[in-house]
Amino acid sequence: MTIEVELASVPPSEPDADFAFYIDFKKGRGSPSRVFAAAQDFIHACERLDRDLVGVVDPGIETVLVLEDIEAGSLKVWLRNVLAATDDDAIKDLDWKKQVGSYLLKAKYILLRWADDPAAPQRLPEVRQEIRQLAAATDVRHLPDYTAPSPETLVRAMSDFQAVKERLGPGDSASLISADGSRYEIDLNIRWGAETLEDLAVKSTMDSPPIGMILAVKKPDYLGSSRWSFRHGKRTIEAKIEDESWLRSFQQREIDVRPGDALQCQVRIESLYGHDNELLTERYRVVEVAAVLTDRIAQADMFDDDAEPGR
């Protein structure tokens, strides 16, 4: 993709682009960084979403995002899909890039409208099928086996677009504009928290019996009102500690836990399923902490450095 950012007050040249993200902000109010942060979040959201969406059409198609220009003023961020196929022989249609680019743009309109719909979570299965039909309409591979994007992909896209909304404040507005002049104004008043979205999209849940796990601590929760961040293998997971006795001792500083230490604990895994009976996400709850496993190697290195500052 190519991005061009232009001054809203200066007559723009005709962009060689597919669509634009436009922010009209309230001048002289709020942090100026919010506008650039919102644009950056939107670009990151599009990068991740496009990678997922092109995979629905063909896993061999790649998309790239590059920056062309930035100018001051109300931001109009023009983006163009730059697509490449790792196996051109597998794609017979010479016009496939235009078809896939159109598919990606139409899917963004669908997802932004979905994010603004008060009944959005209940419509998750419908939105998945809409995008699957768009992918099939490209007919890039000339095969009838196009699958819908996963519920996790769409929930993540929704969360990404919510992050853009959170950046902007009263008096600001944001729109998606296509190169042909079509425009959709994003409703900044409708906002979904990630967990709320998951809850509303859930049809059923299943709890596992407690299982033993060793979780490396990345970020403790010192206030007891949110989740801890842990590392389990190569994955980062968020988990709320429900062992109230242990948590109280930790908050009273009777137990010392530092990043890099690990908790030997019993964990319940709650699996959340959507209206299409597919897995949306998993939540982790630490129901018992048996022991704190100190990261002695890291601490030994720290003391060695203190003892020999010249090394």
Foldseek 3Di string as FASTA:
>chain_A
DEKEKDAPVDPDDQDPFFKKKWKAADPPDDDPVLQVVLVVLVVVLLQLLLQLLVVLQPPQKDWDYDYDYHDDHGIIMGHHTDMDGPDVVQFDDPCLVVLSRVLSVVLVVLLLVLLQDPLNLQCLVVSQVVSQVSSVVSCRRVDPDRGGRDLQSSLVSSQSNLVSLVSGDPRMWIWMATSVGDIDTGDSVRHDDSVRSLVSQFPDKDKDFWDKAKWQFAADDLVLPAWTWTDGPNDIATEREQQVVVSVCVNVVVDDDDHRKIFTFIKMKMWTAGPVRDTNDIYIYGDGTDDIGDPVVVVVVVVVCVVPVVD
